[in-house]
């Protein structure tokens, strides 16, 4: 889970594809523009967030995500 959280572009791509398939198969939305835009919006909302934090040892990157209990800290 930590590897996936460090790659937000991969998470957005996977979520977008999954939601496009969901809207196409389950909800039967025929307009590809609406299907793709709603899927992309939801994927960006669910993607991990990166934040720069200044500590005494220097600047670190903190990754927070809806699916992680604790934030990941990268030096």
C-alpha atoms as a PDB file:
ATOM      1  CA  UNK A   1       0.000   0.000   0.000  1.00  0.00           C
ATOM      2  CA  UNK A   2       2.894   2.356   0.698  1.00  0.00           C
ATOM      3  CA  UNK A   3       4.342   1.816  -2.794  1.00  0.00           C
ATOM      4  CA  UNK A   4       1.025   2.739  -4.378  1.00  0.00           C
ATOM      5  CA  UNK A   5       0.680   5.815  -2.165  1.00  0.00           C
ATOM      6  CA  UNK A   6       4.080   7.078  -3.336  1.00  0.00           C
ATOM      7  CA  UNK A   7       2.925   6.977  -6.987  1.00  0.00           C
ATOM      8  CA  UNK A   8      -0.123   9.296  -7.195  1.00  0.00           C
ATOM      9  CA  UNK A   9      -0.129   9.373 -11.005  1.00  0.00           C
ATOM     10  CA  UNK A  10      -0.498   5.588 -11.047  1.00  0.00           C
ATOM     11  CA  UNK A  11      -3.352   5.729  -8.546  1.00  0.00           C
ATOM     12  CA  UNK A  12      -5.202   8.378 -10.562  1.00  0.00           C
ATOM     13  CA  UNK A  13      -4.810   6.345 -13.758  1.00  0.00           C
ATOM     14  CA  UNK A  14      -6.025   3.104 -12.169  1.00  0.00           C
ATOM     15  CA  UNK A  15      -8.987   4.786 -10.455  1.00  0.00           C
ATOM     16  CA  UNK A  16      -9.947   6.563 -13.684  1.00  0.00           C
ATOM     17  CA  UNK A  17      -9.945   3.337 -15.692  1.00  0.00           C
ATOM     18  CA  UNK A  18     -11.929   1.494 -13.022  1.00  0.00           C
ATOM     19  CA  UNK A  19     -14.534   4.249 -12.752  1.00  0.00           C
ATOM     20  CA  UNK A  20     -14.863   4.576 -16.540  1.00  0.00           C
ATOM     21  CA  UNK A  21     -15.557   0.854 -16.775  1.00  0.00           C
ATOM     22  CA  UNK A  22     -17.990   1.104 -13.845  1.00  0.00           C
ATOM     23  CA  UNK A  23     -19.912   3.986 -15.445  1.00  0.00           C
ATOM     24  CA  UNK A  24     -19.973   2.200 -18.794  1.00  0.00           C
ATOM     25  CA  UNK A  25     -20.993  -1.287 -17.679  1.00  0.00           C
ATOM     26  CA  UNK A  26     -22.997  -0.798 -14.490  1.00  0.00           C
ATOM     27  CA  UNK A  27     -24.592   2.642 -14.900  1.00  0.00           C
ATOM     28  CA  UNK A  28     -24.694   2.545 -18.727  1.00  0.00           C
ATOM     29  CA  UNK A  29     -23.582   6.145 -19.287  1.00  0.00           C
ATOM     30  CA  UNK A  30     -23.188   6.445 -23.064  1.00  0.00           C
ATOM     31  CA  UNK A  31     -21.544   9.878 -23.362  1.00  0.00           C
ATOM     32  CA  UNK A  32     -17.792   9.320 -23.166  1.00  0.00           C
ATOM     33  CA  UNK A  33     -17.076  12.941 -22.164  1.00  0.00           C
ATOM     34  CA  UNK A  34     -19.335  12.791 -19.119  1.00  0.00           C
ATOM     35  CA  UNK A  35     -18.096   9.312 -18.203  1.00  0.00           C
ATOM     36  CA  UNK A  36     -14.432  10.313 -18.389  1.00  0.00           C
ATOM     37  CA  UNK A  37     -14.783  13.672 -16.644  1.00  0.00           C
ATOM     38  CA  UNK A  38     -16.731  12.287 -13.686  1.00  0.00           C
ATOM     39  CA  UNK A  39     -14.311   9.373 -13.388  1.00  0.00           C
ATOM     40  CA  UNK A  40     -11.276  11.660 -13.471  1.00  0.00           C
ATOM     41  CA  UNK A  41     -12.775  13.984 -10.865  1.00  0.00           C
ATOM     42  CA  UNK A  42     -13.497  11.122  -8.459  1.00  0.00           C
ATOM     43  CA  UNK A  43     -10.026   9.646  -9.054  1.00  0.00           C
ATOM     44  CA  UNK A  44      -8.305  12.947  -8.232  1.00  0.00           C
ATOM     45  CA  UNK A  45     -10.324  13.249  -5.019  1.00  0.00           C
ATOM     46  CA  UNK A  46      -9.265   9.749  -3.926  1.00  0.00           C
ATOM     47  CA  UNK A  47      -5.592  10.124  -4.910  1.00  0.00           C
ATOM     48  CA  UNK A  48      -2.819  10.529  -2.294  1.00  0.00           C
ATOM     49  CA  UNK A  49      -1.774  14.055  -1.300  1.00  0.00           C
ATOM     50  CA  UNK A  50       1.849  15.203  -0.941  1.00  0.00           C
ATOM     51  CA  UNK A  51       2.790  17.894   1.529  1.00  0.00           C
ATOM     52  CA  UNK A  52       6.208  19.446   2.346  1.00  0.00           C
ATOM     53  CA  UNK A  53       6.935  19.621   6.067  1.00  0.00           C
ATOM     54  CA  UNK A  54       9.847  21.465   7.642  1.00  0.00           C
ATOM     55  CA  UNK A  55      11.391  19.715  10.639  1.00  0.00           C
ATOM     56  CA  UNK A  56      14.530  20.285  12.655  1.00  0.00           C
ATOM     57  CA  UNK A  57      16.383  17.758  10.513  1.00  0.00           C
ATOM     58  CA  UNK A  58      15.291  19.344   7.233  1.00  0.00           C
ATOM     59  CA  UNK A  59      12.426  19.346   4.771  1.00  0.00           C
ATOM     60  CA  UNK A  60      10.463  16.120   4.397  1.00  0.00           C
ATOM     61  CA  UNK A  61       7.589  15.037   2.196  1.00  0.00           C
ATOM     62  CA  UNK A  62       4.502  13.667   3.892  1.00  0.00           C
ATOM     63  CA  UNK A  63       1.983  11.584   1.951  1.00  0.00           C
ATOM     64  CA  UNK A  64      -1.562  11.328   3.264  1.00  0.00           C
ATOM     65  CA  UNK A  65      -4.244   9.162   1.767  1.00  0.00           C
ATOM     66  CA  UNK A  66      -7.798   8.186   2.548  1.00  0.00           C
ATOM     67  CA  UNK A  67      -6.860   4.480   2.640  1.00  0.00           C
ATOM     68  CA  UNK A  68      -3.848   4.794   4.997  1.00  0.00           C
ATOM     69  CA  UNK A  69      -4.136   5.031   8.776  1.00  0.00           C
ATOM     70  CA  UNK A  70      -0.851   6.883   9.252  1.00  0.00           C
ATOM     71  CA  UNK A  71       0.861   9.336   6.892  1.00  0.00           C
ATOM     72  CA  UNK A  72       4.021   8.223   5.091  1.00  0.00           C
ATOM     73  CA  UNK A  73       7.100  10.398   5.591  1.00  0.00           C
ATOM     74  CA  UNK A  74       9.785  10.524   2.892  1.00  0.00           C
ATOM     75  CA  UNK A  75      13.085  12.279   3.489  1.00  0.00           C
END
